[in-house]
Amino acid sequence: MSIEKINPYDYAGGQFTAGLDYVAAELPVDPTIDDLRDKVVEYIEDTFFTEGEESDMPGFVENRIQSIIPSVINSYRKSAIQNGQVHFDGAQTMFIREMLGSIFSVPVKSVEQRLSDIEDKLDCSNLNSEQSAPLFMAISVGKAANEYWLNEIGTPTNWTTYLDSSEAINYMNFAYWVETAMEGTLLGYSQLDSKVHNPDVISNLSATFGLISAIGGAIGLNASKLVFDVIPKVRCH
């Protein structure tokens, strides 16, 4: 039996959609950005740092997670990835542009296939594991977002309050929802710096903090798109 491809972060999509469900269920009426941030932090703590009823999330990690949501939203509004303000190299940027842009050029029913095609291309590329990690995370989240929002449009459950009453308008917005899920993943991952990568600073958390930041960024930005209709600013010259 041959193995066609392996996405080492295939499970990230499920963590992302579980986070969307949590946020949708817990947000108060007329939520603020602070409310959204708090619910994402609660989900991250419950998912990654809690055993039984005890949380072992270090305080400095909580502070980092608290800052991820507003930082990701600000970066999205400034089109930071598109303007080269996020530190991805040239090879990564080629994949990112294809990932974020090409889903707008295919029918809704073909978005999953397009992401799978990019995943195949990434799998056989010359990118090393460090370069490909955030890209595989984003694709996993994008594929999960594709299924999640198609289901919500077809039979609204968690996000009824924020979906348009017109199914046609929701389908028009669909690609933007998938795109912000992936862009949030990449922007969340990019919040890491050299100190966070240093195993002397966070020891056994160093291998997972990139994923945690990515999932937090994906949930935060994707939910912000629905709840607050966050859009990129017009570029200043």
C-alpha atoms as a PDB file:
ATOM      1  CA  MET A   1       0.000   0.000   0.000  1.00  0.00           C
ATOM      2  CA  SER A   2       1.443   3.384  -0.988  1.00  0.00           C
ATOM      3  CA  ILE A   3       1.141   6.595   1.003  1.00  0.00           C
ATOM      4  CA  GLU A   4       0.192   9.520  -1.229  1.00  0.00           C
ATOM      5  CA  LYS A   5       0.701  12.393   1.202  1.00  0.00           C
ATOM      6  CA  ILE A   6       0.779  13.189   4.884  1.00  0.00           C
ATOM      7  CA  ASN A   7      -0.159  16.526   6.412  1.00  0.00           C
ATOM      8  CA  PRO A   8       1.560  16.447   9.818  1.00  0.00           C
ATOM      9  CA  TYR A   9      -0.970  18.967  11.135  1.00  0.00           C
ATOM     10  CA  ASP A  10      -4.107  17.332   9.781  1.00  0.00           C
ATOM     11  CA  TYR A  11      -5.644  17.436  13.270  1.00  0.00           C
ATOM     12  CA  ALA A  12      -5.383  21.257  13.418  1.00  0.00           C
ATOM     13  CA  GLY A  13      -8.608  21.644  11.455  1.00  0.00           C
ATOM     14  CA  GLY A  14     -10.615  19.806  14.098  1.00  0.00           C
ATOM     15  CA  GLN A  15      -9.115  21.941  16.866  1.00  0.00           C
ATOM     16  CA  PHE A  16     -10.042  25.043  14.891  1.00  0.00           C
ATOM     17  CA  THR A  17     -13.682  24.076  14.299  1.00  0.00           C
ATOM     18  CA  ALA A  18     -14.106  22.965  17.923  1.00  0.00           C
ATOM     19  CA  GLY A  19     -12.887  26.427  18.885  1.00  0.00           C
ATOM     20  CA  LEU A  20     -15.437  28.091  16.603  1.00  0.00           C
ATOM     21  CA  ASP A  21     -18.194  26.038  18.228  1.00  0.00           C
ATOM     22  CA  TYR A  22     -16.974  27.039  21.692  1.00  0.00           C
ATOM     23  CA  VAL A  23     -16.811  30.737  20.842  1.00  0.00           C
ATOM     24  CA  ALA A  24     -20.233  30.730  19.169  1.00  0.00           C
ATOM     25  CA  ALA A  25     -21.801  29.092  22.218  1.00  0.00           C
ATOM     26  CA  GLU A  26     -20.092  31.320  24.790  1.00  0.00           C
ATOM     27  CA  LEU A  27     -20.112  34.812  23.257  1.00  0.00           C
ATOM     28  CA  PRO A  28     -22.517  37.202  24.991  1.00  0.00           C
ATOM     29  CA  VAL A  29     -25.098  39.305  23.197  1.00  0.00           C
ATOM     30  CA  ASP A  30     -23.463  42.307  21.484  1.00  0.00           C
ATOM     31  CA  PRO A  31     -19.915  41.032  22.085  1.00  0.00           C
ATOM     32  CA  THR A  32     -16.773  43.147  22.051  1.00  0.00           C
ATOM     33  CA  ILE A  33     -13.291  42.268  20.840  1.00  0.00           C
ATOM     34  CA  ASP A  34     -12.365  41.709  24.489  1.00  0.00           C
ATOM     35  CA  ASP A  35     -15.211  39.194  24.838  1.00  0.00           C
ATOM     36  CA  LEU A  36     -13.990  37.329  21.768  1.00  0.00           C
ATOM     37  CA  ARG A  37     -10.400  37.353  22.976  1.00  0.00           C
ATOM     38  CA  ASP A  38     -11.426  36.003  26.387  1.00  0.00           C
ATOM     39  CA  LYS A  39     -13.423  33.136  24.872  1.00  0.00           C
ATOM     40  CA  VAL A  40     -10.568  32.140  22.562  1.00  0.00           C
ATOM     41  CA  VAL A  41      -8.168  32.166  25.531  1.00  0.00           C
ATOM     42  CA  GLU A  42     -10.600  30.013  27.522  1.00  0.00           C
ATOM     43  CA  TYR A  43     -10.799  27.512  24.683  1.00  0.00           C
ATOM     44  CA  ILE A  44      -7.008  27.388  24.280  1.00  0.00           C
ATOM     45  CA  GLU A  45      -6.577  26.873  28.022  1.00  0.00           C
ATOM     46  CA  ASP A  46      -9.220  24.133  28.184  1.00  0.00           C
ATOM     47  CA  THR A  47      -7.878  22.343  25.093  1.00  0.00           C
ATOM     48  CA  PHE A  48      -4.127  22.508  25.554  1.00  0.00           C
ATOM     49  CA  PHE A  49      -3.446  23.135  29.246  1.00  0.00           C
ATOM     50  CA  THR A  50      -6.205  21.657  31.387  1.00  0.00           C
ATOM     51  CA  GLU A  51      -6.337  18.176  32.884  1.00  0.00           C
ATOM     52  CA  GLY A  52      -9.402  17.469  34.941  1.00  0.00           C
ATOM     53  CA  GLU A  53     -10.285  20.746  36.629  1.00  0.00           C
ATOM     54  CA  GLU A  54      -6.730  22.056  36.943  1.00  0.00           C
ATOM     55  CA  SER A  55      -5.092  24.372  34.412  1.00  0.00           C
ATOM     56  CA  ASP A  56      -1.309  24.404  34.059  1.00  0.00           C
ATOM     57  CA  MET A  57      -1.064  27.251  31.544  1.00  0.00           C
ATOM     58  CA  PRO A  58       1.900  29.430  32.575  1.00  0.00           C
ATOM     59  CA  GLY A  59       1.081  33.096  33.100  1.00  0.00           C
ATOM     60  CA  PHE A  60       3.454  34.326  30.405  1.00  0.00           C
ATOM     61  CA  VAL A  61       1.839  31.949  27.893  1.00  0.00           C
ATOM     62  CA  GLU A  62      -1.599  33.312  28.781  1.00  0.00           C
ATOM     63  CA  ASN A  63      -0.273  36.835  28.234  1.00  0.00           C
ATOM     64  CA  ARG A  64       1.024  35.826  24.816  1.00  0.00           C
ATOM     65  CA  ILE A  65      -2.298  34.258  23.854  1.00  0.00           C
ATOM     66  CA  GLN A  66      -4.170  37.342  25.096  1.00  0.00           C
ATOM     67  CA  SER A  67      -2.153  39.484  22.687  1.00  0.00           C
ATOM     68  CA  ILE A  68      -2.558  37.216  19.659  1.00  0.00           C
ATOM     69  CA  ILE A  69      -6.174  38.091  18.805  1.00  0.00           C
ATOM     70  CA  PRO A  70      -5.790  41.902  18.615  1.00  0.00           C
ATOM     71  CA  SER A  71      -2.390  41.517  16.914  1.00  0.00           C
ATOM     72  CA  VAL A  72      -3.805  39.188  14.257  1.00  0.00           C
ATOM     73  CA  ILE A  73      -6.782  41.464  13.610  1.00  0.00           C
ATOM     74  CA  ASN A  74      -4.513  44.503  13.306  1.00  0.00           C
ATOM     75  CA  SER A  75      -2.200  42.627  10.929  1.00  0.00           C
ATOM     76  CA  TYR A  76      -5.146  41.510   8.802  1.00  0.00           C
ATOM     77  CA  ARG A  77      -6.511  45.062   8.602  1.00  0.00           C
ATOM     78  CA  LYS A  78      -3.078  46.221   7.429  1.00  0.00           C
ATOM     79  CA  SER A  79      -2.842  43.365   4.872  1.00  0.00           C
ATOM     80  CA  ALA A  80       0.448  42.500   6.563  1.00  0.00           C
ATOM     81  CA  ILE A  81       1.034  39.269   4.643  1.00  0.00           C
ATOM     82  CA  GLN A  82       0.217  40.784   1.268  1.00  0.00           C
ATOM     83  CA  ASN A  83       2.402  43.822   1.984  1.00  0.00           C
ATOM     84  CA  GLY A  84       5.409  41.743   3.037  1.00  0.00           C
ATOM     85  CA  GLN A  85       5.248  42.795   6.692  1.00  0.00           C
ATOM     86  CA  VAL A  86       5.188  39.207   7.976  1.00  0.00           C
ATOM     87  CA  HIS A  87       8.413  37.257   7.988  1.00  0.00           C
ATOM     88  CA  PHE A  88       7.759  34.444   5.532  1.00  0.00           C
ATOM     89  CA  ASP A  89      10.470  33.712   2.981  1.00  0.00           C
ATOM     90  CA  GLY A  90      10.053  33.773  -0.790  1.00  0.00           C
ATOM     91  CA  ALA A  91       9.253  30.083  -1.164  1.00  0.00           C
ATOM     92  CA  GLN A  92       6.634  30.226   1.591  1.00  0.00           C
ATOM     93  CA  THR A  93       5.132  33.402   0.154  1.00  0.00           C
ATOM     94  CA  MET A  94       4.545  31.732  -3.221  1.00  0.00           C
ATOM     95  CA  PHE A  95       2.440  29.045  -1.540  1.00  0.00           C
ATOM     96  CA  ILE A  96       0.647  31.570   0.660  1.00  0.00           C
ATOM     97  CA  ARG A  97      -0.387  33.724  -2.290  1.00  0.00           C
ATOM     98  CA  GLU A  98      -1.738  30.688  -4.094  1.00  0.00           C
ATOM     99  CA  MET A  99      -3.482  29.419  -0.979  1.00  0.00           C
ATOM    100  CA  LEU A 100      -5.203  32.692  -0.092  1.00  0.00           C
ATOM    101  CA  GLY A 101      -5.891  33.929  -3.604  1.00  0.00           C
ATOM    102  CA  SER A 102      -6.829  30.971  -5.743  1.00  0.00           C
ATOM    103  CA  ILE A 103      -9.917  29.960  -3.740  1.00  0.00           C
ATOM    104  CA  PHE A 104     -11.626  33.083  -5.114  1.00  0.00           C
ATOM    105  CA  SER A 105     -11.165  31.874  -8.696  1.00  0.00           C
ATOM    106  CA  VAL A 106     -12.937  28.517  -8.348  1.00  0.00           C
ATOM    107  CA  PRO A 107     -16.574  27.612  -7.641  1.00  0.00           C
ATOM    108  CA  VAL A 108     -17.571  27.084  -4.021  1.00  0.00           C
ATOM    109  CA  LYS A 109     -17.834  23.331  -4.562  1.00  0.00           C
ATOM    110  CA  SER A 110     -14.220  23.234  -5.829  1.00  0.00           C
ATOM    111  CA  VAL A 111     -12.506  25.036  -2.931  1.00  0.00           C
ATOM    112  CA  GLU A 112     -11.674  21.822  -1.064  1.00  0.00           C
ATOM    113  CA  GLN A 113     -10.127  20.294  -4.186  1.00  0.00           C
ATOM    114  CA  ARG A 114      -8.074  23.422  -4.798  1.00  0.00           C
ATOM    115  CA  LEU A 115      -6.696  23.294  -1.247  1.00  0.00           C
ATOM    116  CA  SER A 116      -5.944  19.583  -1.645  1.00  0.00           C
ATOM    117  CA  ASP A 117      -4.051  20.341  -4.856  1.00  0.00           C
ATOM    118  CA  ILE A 118      -1.946  22.962  -3.053  1.00  0.00           C
ATOM    119  CA  GLU A 119      -1.385  20.485  -0.223  1.00  0.00           C
ATOM    120  CA  ASP A 120      -0.091  17.932  -2.759  1.00  0.00           C
ATOM    121  CA  LYS A 121       2.204  20.541  -4.246  1.00  0.00           C
ATOM    122  CA  LEU A 122       3.515  21.488  -0.811  1.00  0.00           C
ATOM    123  CA  ASP A 123       4.060  17.848   0.113  1.00  0.00           C
ATOM    124  CA  CYS A 124       6.405  17.292  -2.839  1.00  0.00           C
ATOM    125  CA  SER A 125       8.144  20.673  -2.577  1.00  0.00           C
ATOM    126  CA  ASN A 126      11.687  21.312  -1.350  1.00  0.00           C
ATOM    127  CA  LEU A 127      10.531  23.253   1.698  1.00  0.00           C
ATOM    128  CA  ASN A 128      11.911  21.878   4.956  1.00  0.00           C
ATOM    129  CA  SER A 129       9.719  21.014   7.940  1.00  0.00           C
ATOM    130  CA  GLU A 130      10.139  24.422   9.577  1.00  0.00           C
ATOM    131  CA  GLN A 131       9.164  26.243   6.388  1.00  0.00           C
ATOM    132  CA  SER A 132       6.218  23.992   5.611  1.00  0.00           C
ATOM    133  CA  ALA A 133       4.753  23.768   9.146  1.00  0.00           C
ATOM    134  CA  PRO A 134       2.627  26.960   9.081  1.00  0.00           C
ATOM    135  CA  LEU A 135       1.530  26.207   5.513  1.00  0.00           C
ATOM    136  CA  PHE A 136       0.338  22.703   6.390  1.00  0.00           C
ATOM    137  CA  MET A 137      -1.456  24.160   9.424  1.00  0.00           C
ATOM    138  CA  ALA A 138      -3.193  26.756   7.268  1.00  0.00           C
ATOM    139  CA  ILE A 139      -4.295  24.186   4.695  1.00  0.00           C
ATOM    140  CA  SER A 140      -5.667  21.892   7.400  1.00  0.00           C
ATOM    141  CA  VAL A 141      -7.606  24.798   8.902  1.00  0.00           C
ATOM    142  CA  GLY A 142      -8.766  25.956   5.445  1.00  0.00           C
ATOM    143  CA  LYS A 143     -10.157  22.549   4.540  1.00  0.00           C
ATOM    144  CA  ALA A 144     -11.934  22.345   7.892  1.00  0.00           C
ATOM    145  CA  ALA A 145     -13.310  25.879   7.463  1.00  0.00           C
ATOM    146  CA  ASN A 146     -14.585  24.921   4.008  1.00  0.00           C
ATOM    147  CA  GLU A 147     -16.659  22.071   5.406  1.00  0.00           C
ATOM    148  CA  TYR A 148     -17.710  23.982   8.508  1.00  0.00           C
ATOM    149  CA  TRP A 149     -19.071  27.057   6.731  1.00  0.00           C
ATOM    150  CA  LEU A 150     -20.751  25.048   3.979  1.00  0.00           C
ATOM    151  CA  ASN A 151     -22.625  23.191   6.718  1.00  0.00           C
ATOM    152  CA  GLU A 152     -23.500  26.443   8.504  1.00  0.00           C
ATOM    153  CA  ILE A 153     -24.825  28.000   5.292  1.00  0.00           C
ATOM    154  CA  GLY A 154     -26.868  24.900   4.498  1.00  0.00           C
ATOM    155  CA  THR A 155     -28.253  24.406   8.004  1.00  0.00           C
ATOM    156  CA  PRO A 156     -27.378  27.321  10.298  1.00  0.00           C
ATOM    157  CA  THR A 157     -26.816  26.288  13.900  1.00  0.00           C
ATOM    158  CA  ASN A 158     -24.049  28.006  15.863  1.00  0.00           C
ATOM    159  CA  TRP A 159     -23.698  31.227  13.872  1.00  0.00           C
ATOM    160  CA  THR A 160     -27.319  31.985  12.946  1.00  0.00           C
ATOM    161  CA  THR A 161     -27.113  35.413  14.622  1.00  0.00           C
ATOM    162  CA  TYR A 162     -24.271  36.525  12.376  1.00  0.00           C
ATOM    163  CA  LEU A 163     -25.195  34.911   9.064  1.00  0.00           C
ATOM    164  CA  ASP A 164     -27.174  36.866   6.504  1.00  0.00           C
ATOM    165  CA  SER A 165     -30.804  35.877   6.018  1.00  0.00           C
ATOM    166  CA  SER A 166     -29.997  35.452   2.319  1.00  0.00           C
ATOM    167  CA  GLU A 167     -28.270  32.175   1.501  1.00  0.00           C
ATOM    168  CA  ALA A 168     -26.956  33.731  -1.717  1.00  0.00           C
ATOM    169  CA  ILE A 169     -25.110  36.443   0.230  1.00  0.00           C
ATOM    170  CA  ASN A 170     -23.654  33.850   2.565  1.00  0.00           C
ATOM    171  CA  TYR A 171     -22.283  31.954  -0.425  1.00  0.00           C
ATOM    172  CA  MET A 172     -20.814  35.222  -1.717  1.00  0.00           C
ATOM    173  CA  ASN A 173     -19.012  35.630   1.623  1.00  0.00           C
ATOM    174  CA  PHE A 174     -17.961  31.989   1.847  1.00  0.00           C
ATOM    175  CA  ALA A 175     -14.505  32.313   0.247  1.00  0.00           C
ATOM    176  CA  TYR A 176     -13.691  35.219   2.572  1.00  0.00           C
ATOM    177  CA  TRP A 177     -14.519  33.047   5.581  1.00  0.00           C
ATOM    178  CA  VAL A 178     -12.234  30.268   4.384  1.00  0.00           C
ATOM    179  CA  GLU A 179      -9.529  32.787   3.499  1.00  0.00           C
ATOM    180  CA  THR A 180      -9.589  34.494   6.913  1.00  0.00           C
ATOM    181  CA  ALA A 181      -9.365  31.124   8.650  1.00  0.00           C
ATOM    182  CA  MET A 182      -6.133  30.386   6.772  1.00  0.00           C
ATOM    183  CA  GLU A 183      -4.789  33.922   7.063  1.00  0.00           C
ATOM    184  CA  GLY A 184      -5.511  33.912  10.797  1.00  0.00           C
ATOM    185  CA  THR A 185      -3.547  30.675  11.084  1.00  0.00           C
ATOM    186  CA  LEU A 186      -0.529  32.203   9.341  1.00  0.00           C
ATOM    187  CA  LEU A 187      -0.728  35.488  11.245  1.00  0.00           C
ATOM    188  CA  GLY A 188      -1.124  33.658  14.553  1.00  0.00           C
ATOM    189  CA  TYR A 189       1.906  31.515  13.811  1.00  0.00           C
ATOM    190  CA  SER A 190       3.885  34.605  12.860  1.00  0.00           C
ATOM    191  CA  GLN A 191       3.409  36.064  16.341  1.00  0.00           C
ATOM    192  CA  LEU A 192       6.228  33.813  17.484  1.00  0.00           C
ATOM    193  CA  ASP A 193       9.665  35.320  17.967  1.00  0.00           C
ATOM    194  CA  SER A 194      13.124  33.962  18.768  1.00  0.00           C
ATOM    195  CA  LYS A 195      12.419  33.899  22.490  1.00  0.00           C
ATOM    196  CA  VAL A 196       9.395  31.667  22.020  1.00  0.00           C
ATOM    197  CA  HIS A 197      11.411  29.238  19.899  1.00  0.00           C
ATOM    198  CA  ASN A 198      14.069  29.004  22.620  1.00  0.00           C
ATOM    199  CA  PRO A 199      13.506  25.729  24.515  1.00  0.00           C
ATOM    200  CA  ASP A 200      15.218  27.234  27.579  1.00  0.00           C
ATOM    201  CA  VAL A 201      12.344  29.707  27.796  1.00  0.00           C
ATOM    202  CA  ILE A 202       9.309  27.458  27.368  1.00  0.00           C
ATOM    203  CA  SER A 203      10.895  23.967  27.498  1.00  0.00           C
ATOM    204  CA  ASN A 204       8.372  21.377  26.363  1.00  0.00           C
ATOM    205  CA  LEU A 205       5.966  24.061  25.085  1.00  0.00           C
ATOM    206  CA  SER A 206       8.376  25.077  22.328  1.00  0.00           C
ATOM    207  CA  ALA A 207       7.205  22.316  19.965  1.00  0.00           C
ATOM    208  CA  THR A 208       3.514  23.151  20.304  1.00  0.00           C
ATOM    209  CA  PHE A 209       3.362  26.899  20.848  1.00  0.00           C
ATOM    210  CA  GLY A 210       3.415  27.595  17.114  1.00  0.00           C
ATOM    211  CA  LEU A 211       0.293  25.462  16.668  1.00  0.00           C
ATOM    212  CA  ILE A 212      -1.420  27.038  19.673  1.00  0.00           C
ATOM    213  CA  SER A 213      -0.748  30.535  18.317  1.00  0.00           C
ATOM    214  CA  ALA A 214      -1.941  29.481  14.868  1.00  0.00           C
ATOM    215  CA  ILE A 215      -5.192  27.972  16.151  1.00  0.00           C
ATOM    216  CA  GLY A 216      -5.866  31.005  18.339  1.00  0.00           C
ATOM    217  CA  GLY A 217      -5.252  33.341  15.399  1.00  0.00           C
ATOM    218  CA  ALA A 218      -7.477  31.298  13.091  1.00  0.00           C
ATOM    219  CA  ILE A 219     -10.417  31.213  15.501  1.00  0.00           C
ATOM    220  CA  GLY A 220     -10.029  34.861  16.447  1.00  0.00           C
ATOM    221  CA  LEU A 221      -9.818  36.267  12.927  1.00  0.00           C
ATOM    222  CA  ASN A 222     -12.459  33.964  11.457  1.00  0.00           C
ATOM    223  CA  ALA A 223     -14.934  34.802  14.225  1.00  0.00           C
ATOM    224  CA  SER A 224     -14.096  38.513  13.888  1.00  0.00           C
ATOM    225  CA  LYS A 225     -14.986  38.359  10.205  1.00  0.00           C
ATOM    226  CA  LEU A 226     -18.449  37.067  11.100  1.00  0.00           C
ATOM    227  CA  VAL A 227     -19.104  39.073  14.255  1.00  0.00           C
ATOM    228  CA  PHE A 228     -17.448  42.412  13.483  1.00  0.00           C
ATOM    229  CA  ASP A 229     -17.105  42.287   9.678  1.00  0.00           C
ATOM    230  CA  VAL A 230     -13.401  43.080   9.940  1.00  0.00           C
ATOM    231  CA  ILE A 231     -11.940  44.113   6.574  1.00  0.00           C
ATOM    232  CA  PRO A 232      -8.491  45.222   5.408  1.00  0.00           C
ATOM    233  CA  LYS A 233      -7.902  48.958   5.344  1.00  0.00           C
ATOM    234  CA  VAL A 234      -7.306  50.910   2.158  1.00  0.00           C
ATOM    235  CA  ARG A 235      -3.543  51.000   1.793  1.00  0.00           C
ATOM    236  CA  CYS A 236      -1.914  54.306   2.753  1.00  0.00           C
ATOM    237  CA  HIS A 237       0.570  55.845   0.304  1.00  0.00           C
END
